Every structure is written in structure tokens, then in C-alpha cells.
């Protein structure tokens, strides 16, 4: 599965922005290239290009365009605050995990010292 338009050029995660592609084309060749320019470089002639382009356009027409959700200022503030809470939780959870690991290592080292005799 490959994105027709990469996120850097405004492509989203919608199904209409995806097409089947081989691993080589998806991973190494197309990258951020314009999909029509890339398709043209892969086709031996204009007829093949037009046929493939038309199939992609037909695919896109079957899938509705995604609806862009515009958030109210209050909702945006709530979203920002929620994201901050999640980031804080992640940071504190990570710190707690490190503390647990350090205590566990200390316990193990003390336990092993007693058995070294």
C-alpha cells in the first residue's frame, strides 16, 4: 500500500490517497515525488500512463473526500490541555519505570553480593 500524495505535500491517511504498490516503488522509488510524475516515469508510453492514471482516478472517485473538522477555540484549548496531560503522564510513567528498574537492579546486586561467598 502506498500513498499517492505523501503527508509532506498534503496527502492524508484517507483510503482515497492509497494505492497498491510493490515494495520497491513504495519504499525506495516514489518517496515524496508527485504521483503522476512518478507514474509517467514507470509507463512505457502515453497510452499506458493514461490507462493507469484513469484507473487511479476512478478509485479516488469511489472514495469520498475526507471531511475536514474545524474545532472551536474551546475545543482546541481542551485538545491542547489533554495532549499536555498525556505527555506528562507518559513522562511520569517513564520515570517511574526507570525508578522501578533501578530499585530492582539494586535489589539484585545486594542479593548477589550475599551469595558470592
Protein backbone atom coordinates (compact mmCIF):
# COMPACT_ATOMS: atom_id res chain seq x y z
CA UNK A 1 0.00 0.00 0.00
CA UNK A 2 1.43 3.38 -0.99
CA UNK A 3 0.28 6.96 -0.54
CA UNK A 4 -0.41 8.86 -3.74
CA UNK A 5 0.43 12.13 -2.03
CA UNK A 6 2.79 11.99 0.94
CA UNK A 7 1.88 13.83 4.13
CA UNK A 8 4.60 16.42 3.46
CA UNK A 9 2.68 17.54 0.36
CA UNK A 10 -0.76 17.49 1.99
CA UNK A 11 -1.67 13.84 1.48
CA UNK A 12 -3.62 12.33 4.30
CA UNK A 13 -4.38 8.91 5.64
CA UNK A 14 -7.70 8.60 3.76
CA UNK A 15 -8.27 5.45 1.71
CA UNK A 16 -8.59 7.52 -1.48
CA UNK A 17 -4.96 8.56 -1.05
CA UNK A 18 -3.75 4.94 -1.09
CA UNK A 19 -2.98 2.56 -3.92
CA UNK A 20 -1.38 -0.84 -4.25
CA UNK A 21 2.34 -0.70 -4.97
CA UNK A 22 5.27 -3.07 -4.90
CA UNK A 23 7.77 -2.78 -2.07
CA UNK A 24 10.44 -1.19 -4.27
CA UNK A 25 8.16 1.51 -5.69
CA UNK A 26 6.57 2.28 -2.35
CA UNK A 27 9.71 2.26 -0.27
CA UNK A 28 12.60 3.41 -2.39
CA UNK A 29 11.48 4.98 -5.63
CA UNK A 30 8.45 7.23 -5.30
CA UNK A 31 9.07 8.70 -1.86
CA UNK A 32 7.86 12.35 -1.93
CA UNK A 33 7.53 12.55 -5.72
CA UNK A 34 4.31 13.71 -7.32
CA UNK A 35 2.37 10.53 -8.07
CA UNK A 36 1.53 11.47 -11.67
CA UNK A 37 5.15 12.29 -12.46
CA UNK A 38 6.25 9.03 -10.87
CA UNK A 39 3.59 7.03 -12.74
CA UNK A 40 4.67 8.62 -16.02
CA UNK A 41 8.28 7.58 -15.36
CA UNK A 42 7.13 3.98 -14.89
CA UNK A 43 5.00 3.76 -18.03
CA UNK A 44 6.47 2.86 -21.41
CA UNK A 45 4.10 5.11 -23.35
CA UNK A 46 1.37 7.75 -23.01
CA UNK A 47 -1.43 5.21 -23.54
CA UNK A 48 -0.27 3.08 -20.59
CA UNK A 49 0.10 6.18 -18.44
CA UNK A 50 -3.42 7.41 -19.27
CA UNK A 51 -4.95 3.99 -18.63
CA UNK A 52 -3.27 3.66 -15.24
CA UNK A 53 -3.99 7.29 -14.27
CA UNK A 54 -7.65 6.81 -15.18
CA UNK A 55 -7.82 3.69 -13.00
CA UNK A 56 -6.38 5.63 -10.07
CA UNK A 57 -8.82 8.49 -10.61
CA UNK A 58 -11.72 6.02 -10.80
CA UNK A 59 -10.53 4.56 -7.49
CA UNK A 60 -10.44 8.02 -5.94
CA UNK A 61 -13.97 8.80 -7.16
CA UNK A 62 -15.28 5.70 -5.38
CA UNK A 63 -14.00 7.02 -2.06
CA UNK A 64 -15.48 10.16 -0.58
CA UNK A 65 -13.20 13.06 0.25
CA UNK A 66 -12.48 13.23 3.97
CA UNK A 67 -14.36 15.87 5.90
CA UNK A 68 -12.05 18.40 7.49
CA UNK A 69 -13.15 19.01 11.04
CA UNK A 70 -12.75 22.56 12.26
CA UNK A 71 -12.53 22.76 16.01
CA UNK A 72 -13.96 25.61 18.04
CA UNK A 73 -11.43 27.65 20.06
CA UNK A 74 -12.68 25.98 23.28
CA UNK A 75 -12.27 22.51 21.79
CA UNK A 76 -8.77 23.37 20.54
CA UNK A 77 -7.81 24.52 24.06
CA UNK A 78 -9.24 21.30 25.52
CA UNK A 79 -7.33 19.24 22.96
CA UNK A 80 -4.07 21.03 23.79
CA UNK A 81 -4.67 20.57 27.52
CA UNK A 82 -5.48 16.89 27.04
CA UNK A 83 -2.33 16.33 24.98
CA UNK A 84 -0.30 18.02 27.72
CA UNK A 85 -1.81 15.70 30.32
CA UNK A 86 -0.96 12.65 28.20
CA UNK A 87 2.62 13.85 27.68
CA UNK A 88 3.00 14.45 31.41
CA UNK A 89 1.58 11.00 32.15
CA UNK A 90 3.98 9.40 29.66
CA UNK A 91 6.96 11.23 31.17
CA UNK A 92 5.98 10.30 34.72
CA UNK A 93 5.31 6.69 33.72
CA UNK A 94 8.72 6.50 32.08
CA UNK A 95 10.39 7.99 35.17
CA UNK A 96 8.52 5.54 37.40
CA UNK A 97 9.65 2.68 35.17
CA UNK A 98 13.27 3.84 35.48
CA UNK A 99 12.91 4.08 39.25
CA UNK A 100 11.48 0.56 39.40
CA UNK A 101 14.31 -0.73 37.22
CA UNK A 102 16.95 0.99 39.39
CA UNK A 103 15.43 -0.46 42.58
CA UNK A 104 15.26 -3.91 41.00
CA UNK A 105 18.91 -3.72 39.94
CA UNK A 106 19.90 -2.56 43.42
CA UNK A 107 17.99 -5.46 44.97
CA UNK A 108 19.65 -7.93 42.61
CA UNK A 109 23.13 -6.59 43.26
CA UNK A 110 22.59 -6.74 47.03
CA UNK A 111 21.15 -10.22 46.76
CA UNK A 112 24.05 -11.43 44.60
CA UNK A 113 26.65 -9.91 46.98
CA UNK A 114 25.31 -12.10 49.77
CA UNK A 115 25.81 -15.22 47.62
CA UNK A 116 29.33 -14.51 46.43
CA UNK A 117 30.91 -16.31 49.45
